[in-house]
C-alpha cells in the first residue's frame, strides 16, 4: 500500500490509523537509507534487535542533537 503523506507546518507527518492498527504499535523507527526515509514499526519482543535509536531529535531539543536510548537510561538511573 502506498500513501502520500503531507507534513504539517511543524514538519510532522501522521502515520495512518490503518497502518498503526495493522502493526499494533504506536512507535516507529525512522531510518535514512541513501536517498530514502524508511519507517519501520517498533514491536517489543520482535526477533530483530534494535541496537540504538534516537529518542528525540529536533532543533529545539538538545541544540539539534538527538539522544541515544542507552544514554537516556543512564540519565534516568542517576535521577531515580
C-alpha atoms as a PDB file:
ATOM      1  CA  UNK A   1       0.000   0.000   0.000  1.00  0.00           C
ATOM      2  CA  UNK A   2       1.356   3.411  -0.943  1.00  0.00           C
ATOM      3  CA  UNK A   3       0.054   6.614   0.597  1.00  0.00           C
ATOM      4  CA  UNK A   4       1.182  10.188   0.075  1.00  0.00           C
ATOM      5  CA  UNK A   5       1.806  11.855   3.445  1.00  0.00           C
ATOM      6  CA  UNK A   6       1.938  15.636   3.863  1.00  0.00           C
ATOM      7  CA  UNK A   7       3.898  17.395   6.551  1.00  0.00           C
ATOM      8  CA  UNK A   8       2.326  19.892   8.903  1.00  0.00           C
ATOM      9  CA  UNK A   9       3.705  23.409   9.266  1.00  0.00           C
ATOM     10  CA  UNK A  10       5.942  21.967  12.014  1.00  0.00           C
ATOM     11  CA  UNK A  11       7.302  19.239   9.698  1.00  0.00           C
ATOM     12  CA  UNK A  12       5.326  16.397  11.303  1.00  0.00           C
ATOM     13  CA  UNK A  13       3.632  13.533   9.471  1.00  0.00           C
ATOM     14  CA  UNK A  14       0.800  11.333  10.679  1.00  0.00           C
ATOM     15  CA  UNK A  15       1.056   7.555  10.340  1.00  0.00           C
ATOM     16  CA  UNK A  16      -2.380   6.448   9.069  1.00  0.00           C
ATOM     17  CA  UNK A  17      -4.593   4.663  11.643  1.00  0.00           C
ATOM     18  CA  UNK A  18      -4.873   1.638   9.349  1.00  0.00           C
ATOM     19  CA  UNK A  19      -1.076   1.171   9.483  1.00  0.00           C
ATOM     20  CA  UNK A  20      -0.870   1.665  13.249  1.00  0.00           C
ATOM     21  CA  UNK A  21      -3.602  -0.935  13.773  1.00  0.00           C
ATOM     22  CA  UNK A  22      -2.003  -3.367  11.312  1.00  0.00           C
ATOM     23  CA  UNK A  23       1.272  -3.372  13.250  1.00  0.00           C
ATOM     24  CA  UNK A  24      -0.409  -2.940  16.667  1.00  0.00           C
ATOM     25  CA  UNK A  25       2.052  -0.262  17.746  1.00  0.00           C
ATOM     26  CA  UNK A  26       2.301   3.490  18.082  1.00  0.00           C
ATOM     27  CA  UNK A  27       6.108   3.537  17.941  1.00  0.00           C
ATOM     28  CA  UNK A  28       8.036   3.572  14.689  1.00  0.00           C
ATOM     29  CA  UNK A  29      11.723   3.780  13.821  1.00  0.00           C
ATOM     30  CA  UNK A  30      12.703   6.228  11.060  1.00  0.00           C
ATOM     31  CA  UNK A  31      15.961   5.493   9.238  1.00  0.00           C
ATOM     32  CA  UNK A  32      17.619   7.300   6.338  1.00  0.00           C
ATOM     33  CA  UNK A  33      18.930   4.831   3.751  1.00  0.00           C
ATOM     34  CA  UNK A  34      20.698   6.540   0.861  1.00  0.00           C
ATOM     35  CA  UNK A  35      18.037   8.900  -0.550  1.00  0.00           C
ATOM     36  CA  UNK A  36      15.069   7.225   1.149  1.00  0.00           C
ATOM     37  CA  UNK A  37      13.341   7.552   4.502  1.00  0.00           C
ATOM     38  CA  UNK A  38      12.403   4.124   5.864  1.00  0.00           C
ATOM     39  CA  UNK A  39       9.739   3.960   8.581  1.00  0.00           C
ATOM     40  CA  UNK A  40       9.528   0.619  10.390  1.00  0.00           C
ATOM     41  CA  UNK A  41       7.166  -0.353  13.210  1.00  0.00           C
ATOM     42  CA  UNK A  42       8.893  -0.912  16.556  1.00  0.00           C
ATOM     43  CA  UNK A  43       7.451  -4.044  18.088  1.00  0.00           C
ATOM     44  CA  UNK A  44       8.702  -5.113  21.523  1.00  0.00           C
ATOM     45  CA  UNK A  45       9.835  -8.745  21.550  1.00  0.00           C
ATOM     46  CA  UNK A  46      10.348  -8.919  17.795  1.00  0.00           C
ATOM     47  CA  UNK A  47      13.289 -11.077  16.664  1.00  0.00           C
ATOM     48  CA  UNK A  48      15.035  -8.111  15.052  1.00  0.00           C
ATOM     49  CA  UNK A  49      17.234  -6.320  17.554  1.00  0.00           C
ATOM     50  CA  UNK A  50      17.278  -2.525  17.557  1.00  0.00           C
ATOM     51  CA  UNK A  51      20.713  -1.702  18.959  1.00  0.00           C
ATOM     52  CA  UNK A  52      20.097   2.019  19.292  1.00  0.00           C
ATOM     53  CA  UNK A  53      17.662   4.639  18.112  1.00  0.00           C
ATOM     54  CA  UNK A  54      17.127   8.324  18.631  1.00  0.00           C
ATOM     55  CA  UNK A  55      14.629   9.203  21.346  1.00  0.00           C
ATOM     56  CA  UNK A  56      14.183  12.750  20.058  1.00  0.00           C
ATOM     57  CA  UNK A  57      15.874  14.974  17.532  1.00  0.00           C
ATOM     58  CA  UNK A  58      14.630  18.492  16.989  1.00  0.00           C
ATOM     59  CA  UNK A  59      16.255  21.861  16.575  1.00  0.00           C
ATOM     60  CA  UNK A  60      14.664  22.996  19.837  1.00  0.00           C
ATOM     61  CA  UNK A  61      15.847  19.917  21.805  1.00  0.00           C
ATOM     62  CA  UNK A  62      19.449  19.437  22.883  1.00  0.00           C
ATOM     63  CA  UNK A  63      20.759  22.009  20.368  1.00  0.00           C
ATOM     64  CA  UNK A  64      19.521  19.890  17.457  1.00  0.00           C
ATOM     65  CA  UNK A  65      21.271  16.698  18.574  1.00  0.00           C
ATOM     66  CA  UNK A  66      19.368  13.558  19.454  1.00  0.00           C
ATOM     67  CA  UNK A  67      19.982  11.398  22.494  1.00  0.00           C
ATOM     68  CA  UNK A  68      20.557   7.659  22.285  1.00  0.00           C
ATOM     69  CA  UNK A  69      18.277   5.408  24.327  1.00  0.00           C
ATOM     70  CA  UNK A  70      21.211   3.959  26.298  1.00  0.00           C
ATOM     71  CA  UNK A  71      22.308   7.492  27.265  1.00  0.00           C
ATOM     72  CA  UNK A  72      18.760   8.345  28.355  1.00  0.00           C
ATOM     73  CA  UNK A  73      18.669   5.218  30.546  1.00  0.00           C
ATOM     74  CA  UNK A  74      21.928   6.294  32.221  1.00  0.00           C
ATOM     75  CA  UNK A  75      20.487   9.737  32.921  1.00  0.00           C
ATOM     76  CA  UNK A  76      17.249   8.280  34.306  1.00  0.00           C
ATOM     77  CA  UNK A  77      19.162   5.889  36.594  1.00  0.00           C
ATOM     78  CA  UNK A  78      21.016   8.850  38.095  1.00  0.00           C
ATOM     79  CA  UNK A  79      17.725  10.657  38.763  1.00  0.00           C
ATOM     80  CA  UNK A  80      15.960   7.679  40.356  1.00  0.00           C
END
